[in-house]
C-alpha atoms as a PDB file:
ATOM      1  CA  MET A   1      -3.449  18.873   9.291  1.00  0.00           C
ATOM      2  CA  SER A   2      -0.183  16.947   8.967  1.00  0.00           C
ATOM      3  CA  TYR A   3       0.766  13.937  11.052  1.00  0.00           C
ATOM      4  CA  GLN A   4       4.296  13.480  13.239  1.00  0.00           C
ATOM      5  CA  VAL A   5       6.319  10.438  11.408  1.00  0.00           C
ATOM      6  CA  GLN A   6       8.114   8.487  13.807  1.00  0.00           C
ATOM      7  CA  VAL A   7      10.544   5.865  12.011  1.00  0.00           C
ATOM      8  CA  LEU A   8      11.943   3.051  15.123  1.00  0.00           C
ATOM      9  CA  SER A   9      15.695   3.056  15.501  1.00  0.00           C
ATOM     10  CA  THR A  10      15.171  -0.570  14.123  1.00  0.00           C
ATOM     11  CA  VAL A  11      13.726   0.882  10.813  1.00  0.00           C
ATOM     12  CA  VAL A  12      16.335   3.454  10.449  1.00  0.00           C
ATOM     13  CA  GLN A  13      18.839   0.747  10.074  1.00  0.00           C
ATOM     14  CA  GLN A  14      17.005  -1.305   7.542  1.00  0.00           C
ATOM     15  CA  ILE A  15      16.626   2.403   5.893  1.00  0.00           C
ATOM     16  CA  GLN A  16      20.601   2.209   5.755  1.00  0.00           C
ATOM     17  CA  ARG A  17      21.095  -0.917   4.899  1.00  0.00           C
ATOM     18  CA  LEU A  18      19.114   0.230   1.403  1.00  0.00           C
ATOM     19  CA  ASN A  19      21.085   2.019  -1.791  1.00  0.00           C
ATOM     20  CA  SER A  20      20.868   5.511  -2.021  1.00  0.00           C
ATOM     21  CA  GLN A  21      18.319   6.144  -4.658  1.00  0.00           C
ATOM     22  CA  VAL A  22      15.822   3.620  -2.309  1.00  0.00           C
ATOM     23  CA  GLN A  23      16.645   5.475   0.807  1.00  0.00           C
ATOM     24  CA  GLN A  24      15.688   8.648  -0.916  1.00  0.00           C
ATOM     25  CA  GLN A  25      12.152   7.219  -2.385  1.00  0.00           C
ATOM     26  CA  VAL A  26      11.553   6.018   1.023  1.00  0.00           C
ATOM     27  CA  MET A  27      12.496   9.335   2.772  1.00  0.00           C
ATOM     28  CA  LYS A  28      10.345  10.945   0.170  1.00  0.00           C
ATOM     29  CA  LYS A  29       7.010   8.579   0.724  1.00  0.00           C
ATOM     30  CA  LEU A  30       7.483   9.233   4.730  1.00  0.00           C
ATOM     31  CA  GLU A  31       7.716  13.059   4.190  1.00  0.00           C
ATOM     32  CA  GLU A  32       3.773  12.492   1.251  1.00  0.00           C
ATOM     33  CA  LEU A  33       2.573  10.402   4.551  1.00  0.00           C
ATOM     34  CA  ALA A  34       3.029  13.020   7.110  1.00  0.00           C
ATOM     35  CA  PHE A  35       0.378  14.980   4.446  1.00  0.00           C
ATOM     36  CA  ASN A  36      -1.945  11.766   3.701  1.00  0.00           C
ATOM     37  CA  PRO A  37      -1.618   8.980   6.028  1.00  0.00           C
ATOM     38  CA  ILE A  38      -3.517   6.399   3.799  1.00  0.00           C
ATOM     39  CA  PRO A  39      -2.316   7.432   0.053  1.00  0.00           C
ATOM     40  CA  GLU A  40      -4.239   5.447  -3.413  1.00  0.00           C
ATOM     41  CA  GLY A  41      -3.019   1.747  -2.906  1.00  0.00           C
ATOM     42  CA  ALA A  42      -2.192   1.787   0.627  1.00  0.00           C
ATOM     43  CA  ARG A  43      -3.685  -1.713   2.059  1.00  0.00           C
ATOM     44  CA  ASN A  44      -4.998  -1.756   5.558  1.00  0.00           C
ATOM     45  CA  LEU A  45      -2.915  -4.767   7.092  1.00  0.00           C
ATOM     46  CA  ALA A  46      -5.290  -5.263  10.379  1.00  0.00           C
ATOM     47  CA  VAL A  47      -8.869  -4.420  10.553  1.00  0.00           C
ATOM     48  CA  GLY A  48      -9.418  -2.103  13.342  1.00  0.00           C
ATOM     49  CA  GLU A  49      -5.803  -1.896  14.263  1.00  0.00           C
ATOM     50  CA  ASN A  50      -4.613   1.421  11.606  1.00  0.00           C
ATOM     51  CA  LEU A  51      -1.820  -0.865  10.595  1.00  0.00           C
ATOM     52  CA  TYR A  52      -0.779  -0.181   6.702  1.00  0.00           C
ATOM     53  CA  LEU A  53       1.334  -0.871   4.231  1.00  0.00           C
ATOM     54  CA  VAL A  54       2.489   0.882   1.153  1.00  0.00           C
ATOM     55  CA  VAL A  55       4.771  -0.035  -1.794  1.00  0.00           C
ATOM     56  CA  ILE A  56       7.564   2.104  -3.172  1.00  0.00           C
ATOM     57  CA  ASN A  57       9.116  -0.046  -6.279  1.00  0.00           C
ATOM     58  CA  GLU A  58      10.107  -3.925  -4.852  1.00  0.00           C
ATOM     59  CA  TYR A  59       9.936  -2.283  -1.099  1.00  0.00           C
ATOM     60  CA  ARG A  60       7.352  -1.913   1.831  1.00  0.00           C
ATOM     61  CA  ILE A  61       7.078   0.153   4.491  1.00  0.00           C
ATOM     62  CA  VAL A  62       4.857  -0.767   7.305  1.00  0.00           C
ATOM     63  CA  TYR A  63       3.383   1.669   9.760  1.00  0.00           C
ATOM     64  CA  HIS A  64       0.770   2.176  12.118  1.00  0.00           C
ATOM     65  CA  ILE A  65      -1.644   5.288  12.471  1.00  0.00           C
ATOM     66  CA  GLN A  66      -2.759   6.688  15.611  1.00  0.00           C
ATOM     67  CA  GLU A  67      -5.508   9.420  15.023  1.00  0.00           C
ATOM     68  CA  PRO A  68      -5.846  10.996  17.985  1.00  0.00           C
ATOM     69  CA  ALA A  69      -2.257  11.993  18.558  1.00  0.00           C
ATOM     70  CA  LEU A  70      -2.020  12.254  14.398  1.00  0.00           C
ATOM     71  CA  LEU A  71       1.366   9.988  14.769  1.00  0.00           C
ATOM     72  CA  ILE A  72       2.711   7.534  12.368  1.00  0.00           C
ATOM     73  CA  THR A  73       5.173   5.171  13.418  1.00  0.00           C
ATOM     74  CA  VAL A  74       6.947   3.337  10.930  1.00  0.00           C
ATOM     75  CA  THR A  75       7.156  -0.187  11.958  1.00  0.00           C
ATOM     76  CA  LYS A  76       9.280  -2.162   9.092  1.00  0.00           C
ATOM     77  CA  VAL A  77      10.647  -0.998   5.534  1.00  0.00           C
ATOM     78  CA  ALA A  78      11.916  -4.292   3.895  1.00  0.00           C
ATOM     79  CA  HIS A  79      12.615  -5.820  -0.022  1.00  0.00           C
ATOM     80  CA  SER A  80       9.250  -7.178  -0.697  1.00  0.00           C
ATOM     81  CA  GLN A  81      11.246 -11.052  -0.983  1.00  0.00           C
ATOM     82  CA  ASP A  82      11.786 -10.153   2.994  1.00  0.00           C
ATOM     83  CA  TYR A  83       8.299  -9.299   3.732  1.00  0.00           C
END
């Protein structure tokens, strides 16, 4: 069972501002989330809200999981200094 990963337009702009190597790492992680929405090391940011954070080197990806719909909505991608 895989989830659909939806990336908000503001997040697409955030990703486009990253260097190409980091962009590739972020895109790979987003693809992985479709099959494993709560990977090892993911942190729940809001109890009961299904809001999670995963770390890729110095960058953070924040996303919301909607269980019944099998949908992941990425709400933010930012450097740890900006988060």
